[in-house]
Amino acid sequence: MNISQITSLFILFSGETDINKYQPLIDSSILQVSRQLKEGASSADIRLDYLCAAIANYRYSQLTCVKNKVAYTYAGTADSKGNSQMEYDLAKELMCEYYKAAADLLCDDDFVFSAVCSG
């Protein structure tokens, strides 16, 4: 995985320019993807860079969603600070799409064995 490429993609996805402030999000997304990588899969595959950046952007949107909540004035009108819920939903969808794109490189942890019945 290419950290400078991931950082550039995070800037593109989030629009954030103060990258040092959010470097831990990028680092944790790289660690998360590294742990999910299948044995023998190439960590140099560019799809993983996009996935790491999308995960970091998703975490960024989780953090900023509350801060950017629409503030209502006394008269009941909304302050124009953007639509945090829409930004969060888009970040989540972007992350999901990049997970799908890199699925053949990652271990599938979604399978759960709930029960075995005998007749």
Protein backbone atom coordinates (compact mmCIF):
# COMPACT_ATOMS: atom_id res chain seq x y z
CA MET A 1 0.00 0.00 0.00
CA ASN A 2 1.27 3.43 -0.93
CA ILE A 3 0.86 5.89 1.96
CA SER A 4 1.30 9.00 -0.17
CA GLN A 5 -1.33 7.74 -2.63
CA ILE A 6 -3.70 6.92 0.24
CA THR A 7 -3.15 10.37 1.74
CA SER A 8 -3.83 12.04 -1.63
CA LEU A 9 -7.03 10.03 -2.03
CA PHE A 10 -8.12 10.88 1.52
CA ILE A 11 -7.67 14.58 0.70
CA LEU A 12 -9.73 14.08 -2.47
CA PHE A 13 -12.52 12.20 -0.67
CA SER A 14 -12.72 14.35 2.45
CA GLY A 15 -11.76 17.77 1.14
CA GLU A 16 -9.65 18.16 4.29
CA THR A 17 -6.39 20.08 3.90
CA ASP A 18 -4.98 19.74 7.43
CA ILE A 19 -3.81 16.19 6.85
CA ASN A 20 -1.55 15.89 9.92
CA LYS A 21 -4.57 16.23 12.17
CA TYR A 22 -6.18 13.15 10.60
CA GLN A 23 -3.07 11.01 9.98
CA PRO A 24 -4.12 8.55 12.72
CA LEU A 25 -7.29 7.78 10.71
CA ILE A 26 -5.19 6.96 7.67
CA ASP A 27 -2.77 4.85 9.72
CA SER A 28 -5.56 2.87 11.36
CA SER A 29 -7.27 2.24 8.01
CA ILE A 30 -4.00 0.85 6.61
CA LEU A 31 -3.67 -1.44 9.62
CA GLN A 32 -7.29 -2.55 9.29
CA VAL A 33 -6.89 -3.44 5.61
CA SER A 34 -3.51 -5.13 6.24
CA ARG A 35 -5.17 -7.42 8.78
CA GLN A 36 -7.92 -8.35 6.33
CA LEU A 37 -5.54 -9.14 3.46
CA LYS A 38 -5.67 -12.73 2.22
CA GLU A 39 -2.48 -14.72 2.37
CA GLY A 40 -0.68 -14.31 -0.95
CA ALA A 41 -2.62 -11.20 -1.99
CA SER A 42 -0.47 -8.30 -3.17
CA SER A 43 -0.48 -5.34 -0.81
CA ALA A 44 0.65 -3.23 -3.79
CA ASP A 45 -2.74 -3.53 -5.52
CA ILE A 46 -4.05 0.01 -6.05
CA ARG A 47 -7.57 -1.02 -5.02
CA LEU A 48 -6.26 -1.29 -1.46
CA ASP A 49 -5.08 2.34 -1.57
CA TYR A 50 -8.58 3.44 -2.54
CA LEU A 51 -10.10 1.23 0.16
CA CYS A 52 -7.78 2.60 2.88
CA ALA A 53 -8.57 6.18 1.87
CA ALA A 54 -12.31 5.43 1.80
CA ILE A 55 -12.18 3.86 5.27
CA ALA A 56 -10.24 6.85 6.62
CA ASN A 57 -12.76 9.18 4.99
CA TYR A 58 -15.63 7.22 6.56
CA ARG A 59 -14.04 7.55 10.00
CA TYR A 60 -13.42 11.24 9.29
CA SER A 61 -17.10 11.72 8.41
CA GLN A 62 -18.11 9.94 11.63
CA LEU A 63 -15.99 12.36 13.64
CA THR A 64 -17.09 15.49 11.83
CA CYS A 65 -20.76 14.59 11.49
CA VAL A 66 -21.61 15.70 15.01
CA LYS A 67 -19.47 18.85 14.77
CA ASN A 68 -21.17 19.88 11.54
CA LYS A 69 -24.71 19.23 12.74
CA VAL A 70 -27.16 21.72 11.34
CA ALA A 71 -27.68 24.46 13.90
CA TYR A 72 -31.19 25.82 14.12
CA THR A 73 -31.81 29.48 14.83
CA TYR A 74 -34.37 30.83 17.24
CA ALA A 75 -36.78 31.41 14.35
CA GLY A 76 -36.50 27.74 13.35
CA THR A 77 -34.47 28.17 10.18
CA ALA A 78 -31.38 26.07 9.56
CA ASP A 79 -27.88 27.42 9.48
CA SER A 80 -26.14 26.46 6.23
CA LYS A 81 -23.25 24.28 7.42
CA GLY A 82 -23.87 21.45 4.99
CA ASN A 83 -25.76 18.21 5.26
CA SER A 84 -23.75 16.01 7.63
CA GLN A 85 -26.05 13.00 7.26
CA MET A 86 -25.70 13.05 3.49
CA GLU A 87 -21.89 13.35 3.75
CA TYR A 88 -21.83 10.43 6.19
CA ASP A 89 -24.06 8.29 3.94
CA LEU A 90 -21.91 9.05 0.90
CA ALA A 91 -18.70 8.22 2.78
CA LYS A 92 -20.22 4.92 3.92
CA GLU A 93 -21.37 4.04 0.40
CA LEU A 94 -17.95 4.92 -1.03
CA MET A 95 -16.26 2.67 1.54
CA CYS A 96 -18.66 -0.19 0.76
CA GLU A 97 -18.01 0.12 -2.97
CA TYR A 98 -14.25 -0.03 -2.48
CA TYR A 99 -14.68 -3.06 -0.20
CA LYS A 100 -16.57 -4.74 -3.05
CA ALA A 101 -13.87 -3.76 -5.56
CA ALA A 102 -11.14 -5.33 -3.41
CA ALA A 103 -13.17 -8.32 -2.21
CA ASP A 104 -10.97 -10.89 -3.93
CA LEU A 105 -7.95 -9.58 -1.96
CA LEU A 106 -9.61 -9.65 1.46
CA CYS A 107 -10.74 -12.32 3.89
CA ASP A 108 -14.50 -12.50 4.31
CA ASP A 109 -15.31 -12.04 7.99
CA ASP A 110 -19.06 -11.65 7.47
CA PHE A 111 -19.94 -15.35 7.58
CA VAL A 112 -21.53 -16.43 10.84
CA PHE A 113 -22.56 -19.98 11.68
CA SER A 114 -25.68 -19.53 13.81
CA ALA A 115 -26.85 -23.08 14.53
CA VAL A 116 -26.89 -26.68 13.45
CA CYS A 117 -30.17 -28.57 13.71
CA SER A 118 -30.53 -32.32 13.82
CA GLY A 119 -33.76 -34.02 12.99
